[in-house]
Amino acid sequence: MSNTSNMSSMGNDHPTPTGTLFVLVHGAWHSSWQWAPTQRALAGLGAVSLAVDLPGHGFDAPVPSGYHAPGQPGLATEKSALAGLTLEECAGAVVSALRAVRGHRRVVLVSHSAGGVSASLAAEQAPELVDELVYLTSVVPAGRPRFADYMTSPEQTATTRGRGLMVGDPEAIGAFRINPLSADPEYAEELRRAYYHDVPAGSFDRWRHALSPDMPFAIPTTPVALTRERWGRIPRTFIRCAEDWALTPAVQDLMIAEADAAMPDQPFAVRTLPGGHSPFAVRPAELAAALVQS
């Protein structure tokens, strides 16, 4: 289910208020597409959802000029078309989506992985548009202001996978670049084990080919200033993934603890799902059930 089809299903610019609507924000290199199985499961539970494409993602995702060419010339050096994209622009896309659906009785903002950065800033900017925040093994920049501050912590680096997946110098090309189309079976396997390790190897090609290569440099490096009066007043839930090798359970717990210490008015409700970093690919029905219980 695409972003466009979700919007059209609402019928008009002033939808009749209903129950809960989930606004779903994807993580690095992903798009609204990966939420489709979860959206089908949510619909089966009677829940409405809107999956957002952050700027430079989905069908609009630009790729390096040699990305689809034999040998992928220039992949490690070509400047990213997303190099100038700001975190403010990404958060703005989330705020726009939230405004579009505010006619619903209750709006829950769900983010996955790096999507937590944009979602957090959006909630800080427009807390009146969000009734609850749900972080699905997602970055919470409340205790430390930058995504990168958690990615370099001992809790993350001790057991994480995928550190050898980056292509080129992120600062020079303006993006954290991976190569989902790599013909190297070892690279493809490391990508699977880091982000989709419980997806069978024989099924993973379909998932990796849907990824885009660039995450804007600004996403993990821009500080986010969250306040107790705005972001901190919104009820929040964290859905842990117990065998996550991309954002480890230890760093998930660190983010929860530091956010609760910094913003004690609405401490996290915490739930745990089994498995790895991408439950939308493996257990969408369980994920949908966890969301509707939030």
Protein backbone atom coordinates (compact mmCIF):
# COMPACT_ATOMS: atom_id res chain seq x y z
CA MET A 1 0.00 0.00 0.00
CA SER A 2 1.61 3.22 -1.09
CA ASN A 3 1.49 6.64 0.46
CA THR A 4 -0.73 7.81 -2.42
CA SER A 5 -3.22 4.97 -2.10
CA ASN A 6 -3.48 5.55 1.64
CA MET A 7 -4.31 9.21 1.14
CA SER A 8 -6.88 8.49 -1.55
CA SER A 9 -8.59 5.94 0.67
CA MET A 10 -9.46 8.75 3.08
CA GLY A 11 -11.77 10.14 0.43
CA ASN A 12 -11.40 13.93 0.71
CA ASP A 13 -9.54 16.77 2.35
CA HIS A 14 -11.75 16.67 5.44
CA PRO A 15 -12.09 13.02 6.46
CA THR A 16 -14.82 11.99 8.83
CA PRO A 17 -13.22 11.49 12.25
CA THR A 18 -12.70 7.84 13.04
CA GLY A 19 -10.71 5.92 15.64
CA THR A 20 -6.95 5.55 15.73
CA LEU A 21 -4.84 6.29 12.67
CA PHE A 22 -1.20 5.17 12.52
CA VAL A 23 1.31 7.35 10.66
CA LEU A 24 4.24 5.09 9.75
CA VAL A 25 7.74 6.49 9.19
CA HIS A 26 10.39 4.26 7.61
CA GLY A 27 14.08 4.00 8.48
CA ALA A 28 17.30 4.45 6.53
CA TRP A 29 17.30 3.27 2.88
CA HIS A 30 13.65 2.22 3.18
CA SER A 31 10.34 3.74 2.06
CA SER A 32 6.61 3.46 2.56
CA TRP A 33 6.70 0.20 0.57
CA GLN A 34 8.13 -1.92 3.37
CA TRP A 35 5.16 -1.12 5.60
CA ALA A 36 2.66 -2.76 3.22
CA PRO A 37 2.38 -6.16 4.98
CA THR A 38 1.90 -4.42 8.33
CA GLN A 39 -0.73 -2.11 6.83
CA ARG A 40 -2.65 -5.12 5.54
CA ALA A 41 -2.50 -6.66 9.01
CA LEU A 42 -3.61 -3.38 10.60
CA ALA A 43 -6.54 -3.19 8.19
CA GLY A 44 -7.52 -6.70 9.21
CA LEU A 45 -7.68 -5.44 12.80
CA GLY A 46 -9.84 -2.49 11.76
CA ALA A 47 -7.05 0.08 11.97
CA VAL A 48 -6.31 2.85 9.47
CA SER A 49 -2.72 3.75 8.52
CA LEU A 50 -0.70 6.14 6.38
CA ALA A 51 2.85 5.25 5.36
CA VAL A 52 5.05 8.27 4.68
CA ASP A 53 7.90 8.55 2.19
CA LEU A 54 10.58 10.83 3.60
CA PRO A 55 12.15 13.20 1.03
CA GLY A 56 14.46 11.38 -1.36
CA HIS A 57 12.93 7.96 -0.69
CA GLY A 58 10.44 5.67 -2.40
CA PHE A 59 9.81 6.29 -6.10
CA ASP A 60 11.49 9.67 -5.75
CA ALA A 61 14.77 8.22 -4.48
CA PRO A 62 17.68 9.37 -6.66
CA VAL A 63 20.51 6.91 -7.23
CA PRO A 64 24.12 7.42 -8.34
CA SER A 65 24.49 7.60 -12.12
CA GLY A 66 26.33 4.28 -12.36
CA TYR A 67 24.19 2.41 -9.86
CA HIS A 68 22.41 0.25 -12.44
CA ALA A 69 25.35 0.03 -14.86
CA PRO A 70 27.73 -2.95 -15.12
CA GLY A 71 30.43 -2.59 -12.50
CA GLN A 72 28.59 0.36 -10.89
CA PRO A 73 31.19 3.00 -11.87
CA GLY A 74 31.65 5.88 -9.43
CA LEU A 75 29.52 4.34 -6.71
CA ALA A 76 32.09 5.01 -3.99
CA THR A 77 32.83 8.60 -4.98
CA GLU A 78 29.86 10.24 -6.71
CA LYS A 79 28.24 13.01 -4.67
CA SER A 80 24.79 12.05 -3.45
CA ALA A 81 21.78 13.93 -4.77
CA LEU A 82 20.61 13.92 -1.13
CA ALA A 83 23.75 15.62 0.19
CA GLY A 84 21.95 18.91 0.78
CA LEU A 85 18.81 17.42 2.28
CA THR A 86 18.23 18.65 5.83
CA LEU A 87 16.68 17.04 8.85
CA GLU A 88 14.22 19.95 8.94
CA GLU A 89 12.96 18.94 5.49
CA CYS A 90 12.52 15.33 6.58
CA ALA A 91 10.68 16.34 9.74
CA GLY A 92 8.57 18.72 7.66
CA ALA A 93 7.30 15.82 5.55
CA VAL A 94 6.17 14.06 8.72
CA VAL A 95 4.47 17.19 10.06
CA SER A 96 2.63 17.60 6.74
CA ALA A 97 1.36 14.03 6.95
CA LEU A 98 0.26 14.56 10.55
CA ARG A 99 -1.66 17.70 9.60
CA ALA A 100 -3.40 15.86 6.78
CA VAL A 101 -4.83 13.22 9.13
CA ARG A 102 -5.57 15.31 12.21
CA GLY A 103 -9.31 14.83 11.60
CA HIS A 104 -9.03 11.38 13.14
CA ARG A 105 -9.83 11.03 16.81
CA ARG A 106 -6.40 9.66 17.73
CA VAL A 107 -3.17 9.83 15.74
CA VAL A 108 -0.22 7.59 16.61
CA LEU A 109 3.17 8.38 15.09
CA VAL A 110 5.20 5.21 14.53
CA SER A 111 8.87 5.29 13.53
CA HIS A 112 11.35 2.59 12.67
CA SER A 113 15.13 2.74 13.07
CA ALA A 114 16.62 6.01 11.74
CA GLY A 115 13.09 7.26 11.12
CA GLY A 116 12.96 8.07 14.81
CA VAL A 117 15.12 11.13 14.22
CA SER A 118 12.69 12.79 11.78
CA ALA A 119 9.65 11.62 13.76
CA SER A 120 11.05 12.98 17.02
CA LEU A 121 11.74 16.40 15.55
CA ALA A 122 8.28 16.46 13.96
CA ALA A 123 6.67 15.66 17.33
CA GLU A 124 8.73 18.38 19.01
CA GLN A 125 7.64 20.90 16.40
CA ALA A 126 3.94 19.94 16.43
CA PRO A 127 3.06 17.99 19.60
CA GLU A 128 -0.59 18.99 19.19
CA LEU A 129 -0.77 16.72 16.13
CA VAL A 130 0.39 13.55 17.93
CA ASP A 131 -1.53 11.60 20.55
CA GLU A 132 1.10 8.90 21.02
CA LEU A 133 4.62 8.12 19.84
CA VAL A 134 5.67 4.55 19.07
CA TYR A 135 9.34 3.77 18.50
CA LEU A 136 9.88 0.43 16.76
CA THR A 137 13.53 -0.36 17.53
CA SER A 138 13.90 3.28 16.59
CA VAL A 139 16.27 6.12 17.42
CA VAL A 140 15.19 8.28 20.38
CA PRO A 141 17.38 11.42 20.50
CA ALA A 142 16.20 12.53 23.94
CA GLY A 143 19.15 11.57 26.14
CA ARG A 144 21.75 12.30 23.44
CA PRO A 145 20.99 14.74 20.63
CA ARG A 146 22.36 12.87 17.61
CA PHE A 147 21.67 9.43 16.15
CA ALA A 148 25.45 9.09 15.75
CA ASP A 149 25.92 9.52 19.51
CA TYR A 150 24.14 6.21 20.06
CA MET A 151 25.63 4.42 17.07
CA THR A 152 29.14 4.96 18.49
CA SER A 153 28.24 3.93 22.06
CA PRO A 154 29.76 0.74 23.56
CA GLU A 155 26.25 -0.69 23.88
CA GLN A 156 25.92 -0.50 20.09
CA THR A 157 29.40 -1.29 18.85
CA ALA A 158 30.01 -4.36 21.01
CA THR A 159 27.73 -6.71 19.07
CA THR A 160 26.35 -4.81 16.08
CA ARG A 161 26.66 -6.12 12.53
CA GLY A 162 26.95 -4.34 9.22
CA ARG A 163 29.82 -1.95 9.94
CA GLY A 164 31.50 -2.98 6.67
CA LEU A 165 28.50 -2.17 4.49
CA MET A 166 29.17 1.53 3.91
CA VAL A 167 30.41 2.49 0.44
CA GLY A 168 32.70 5.52 0.18
CA ASP A 169 33.28 8.38 2.61
CA PRO A 170 29.89 9.54 3.99
CA GLU A 171 31.04 13.10 4.63
CA ALA A 172 32.57 13.45 1.15
CA ILE A 173 29.57 12.07 -0.75
CA GLY A 174 27.00 13.60 1.58
CA ALA A 175 25.25 10.33 2.42
CA PHE A 176 25.64 7.04 4.19
CA ARG A 177 25.67 4.81 1.13
CA ILE A 178 25.08 1.09 0.88
CA ASN A 179 24.86 -1.12 -2.20
CA PRO A 180 21.64 -3.13 -2.20
CA LEU A 181 22.35 -4.31 -5.76
CA SER A 182 25.80 -5.70 -4.92
CA ALA A 183 26.73 -8.84 -6.85
CA ASP A 184 29.04 -9.91 -4.01
CA PRO A 185 27.28 -12.74 -2.14
CA GLU A 186 29.24 -12.02 1.04
CA TYR A 187 28.15 -8.38 1.01
CA ALA A 188 24.52 -9.35 0.39
CA GLU A 189 24.65 -11.86 3.22
CA GLU A 190 26.08 -9.31 5.64
CA LEU A 191 23.30 -6.89 4.66
CA ARG A 192 20.75 -9.60 5.37
CA ARG A 193 22.31 -10.59 8.68
CA ALA A 194 22.51 -6.99 9.88
CA TYR A 195 18.99 -5.82 9.00
CA TYR A 196 16.91 -8.85 7.98
CA HIS A 197 18.59 -11.83 9.57
CA ASP A 198 15.35 -13.71 10.20
CA VAL A 199 14.26 -13.36 6.55
CA PRO A 200 15.35 -16.57 4.79
CA ALA A 201 18.34 -16.05 2.52
CA GLY A 202 16.33 -17.27 -0.47
CA SER A 203 13.73 -14.54 0.05
CA PHE A 204 16.05 -11.67 0.87
CA ASP A 205 16.78 -10.49 -2.68
CA ARG A 206 13.23 -9.19 -3.02
CA TRP A 207 13.66 -7.09 0.13
CA ARG A 208 17.15 -5.75 -0.58
CA HIS A 209 16.32 -4.74 -4.14
CA ALA A 210 13.58 -2.48 -2.74
CA LEU A 211 16.14 -0.50 -0.71
CA SER A 212 17.66 2.75 -1.95
CA PRO A 213 21.41 3.33 -1.58
CA ASP A 214 21.63 6.69 0.21
CA MET A 215 20.66 7.93 3.66
CA PRO A 216 21.19 11.71 3.86
CA PHE A 217 24.25 12.65 5.90
CA ALA A 218 22.13 15.03 7.98
CA ILE A 219 19.95 12.30 9.49
CA PRO A 220 22.47 10.76 11.91
CA THR A 221 24.64 13.86 12.34
CA THR A 222 22.22 16.73 13.03
CA PRO A 223 21.51 17.40 16.73
CA VAL A 224 17.85 17.29 17.78
CA ALA A 225 16.76 19.42 20.74
CA LEU A 226 13.77 17.77 22.40
CA THR A 227 12.03 19.51 25.27
CA ARG A 228 10.07 18.28 28.25
CA GLU A 229 7.26 20.73 27.46
CA ARG A 230 6.68 19.52 23.89
CA TRP A 231 8.07 16.10 22.89
CA GLY A 232 8.22 15.09 26.54
CA ARG A 233 4.51 15.56 27.15
CA ILE A 234 3.42 13.01 24.52
CA PRO A 235 2.69 9.44 25.74
CA ARG A 236 5.20 7.06 24.22
CA THR A 237 5.79 3.35 23.67
CA PHE A 238 8.97 1.56 22.67
CA ILE A 239 8.72 -1.77 20.86
CA ARG A 240 12.00 -3.58 21.41
CA CYS A 241 13.30 -6.22 19.03
CA ALA A 242 15.01 -8.84 21.14
CA GLU A 243 17.49 -10.14 18.54
CA ASP A 244 18.25 -6.93 16.69
CA TRP A 245 21.78 -6.90 15.23
CA ALA A 246 21.47 -3.44 13.66
CA LEU A 247 20.24 -1.47 16.69
CA THR A 248 21.17 -3.75 19.55
CA PRO A 249 18.85 -4.50 22.49
CA ALA A 250 21.48 -2.92 24.76
CA VAL A 251 21.35 0.40 22.92
CA GLN A 252 17.56 0.23 22.67
CA ASP A 253 17.45 -0.07 26.47
CA LEU A 254 20.00 2.75 26.81
CA MET A 255 17.85 5.10 24.73
CA ILE A 256 14.74 4.21 26.74
CA ALA A 257 16.51 4.77 30.07
CA GLU A 258 18.11 8.05 29.03
CA ALA A 259 14.88 9.40 27.54
CA ASP A 260 12.95 8.55 30.71
CA ALA A 261 15.60 10.22 32.86
CA ALA A 262 15.57 13.37 30.73
CA MET A 263 11.77 13.49 30.22
CA PRO A 264 10.17 11.80 33.26
CA ASP A 265 6.61 13.07 32.77
CA GLN A 266 5.67 10.36 30.25
CA PRO A 267 7.99 7.37 30.70
CA PHE A 268 8.08 4.76 27.97
CA ALA A 269 5.72 1.83 28.00
CA VAL A 270 7.91 -1.00 26.73
CA ARG A 271 6.96 -4.08 24.73
CA THR A 272 9.25 -6.69 23.21
CA LEU A 273 8.93 -8.60 19.97
CA PRO A 274 11.09 -11.60 19.12
CA GLY A 275 13.48 -11.48 16.22
CA GLY A 276 15.53 -8.93 14.36
CA HIS A 277 15.52 -5.37 13.13
CA SER A 278 12.74 -5.63 10.53
CA PRO A 279 9.62 -7.25 12.01
CA PHE A 280 7.51 -5.74 9.20
CA ALA A 281 9.22 -8.26 6.88
CA VAL A 282 8.91 -11.33 9.10
CA ARG A 283 6.02 -10.99 11.56
CA PRO A 284 3.75 -8.17 10.36
CA ALA A 285 0.70 -9.64 12.12
CA GLU A 286 2.51 -9.61 15.47
CA LEU A 287 3.71 -6.10 14.81
CA ALA A 288 0.22 -4.89 13.93
CA ALA A 289 -1.16 -6.48 17.08
CA ALA A 290 1.51 -4.73 19.17
CA LEU A 291 0.64 -1.40 17.55
CA VAL A 292 -3.09 -1.62 18.17
CA GLN A 293 -2.38 -2.46 21.81
CA SER A 294 -0.40 0.78 22.23
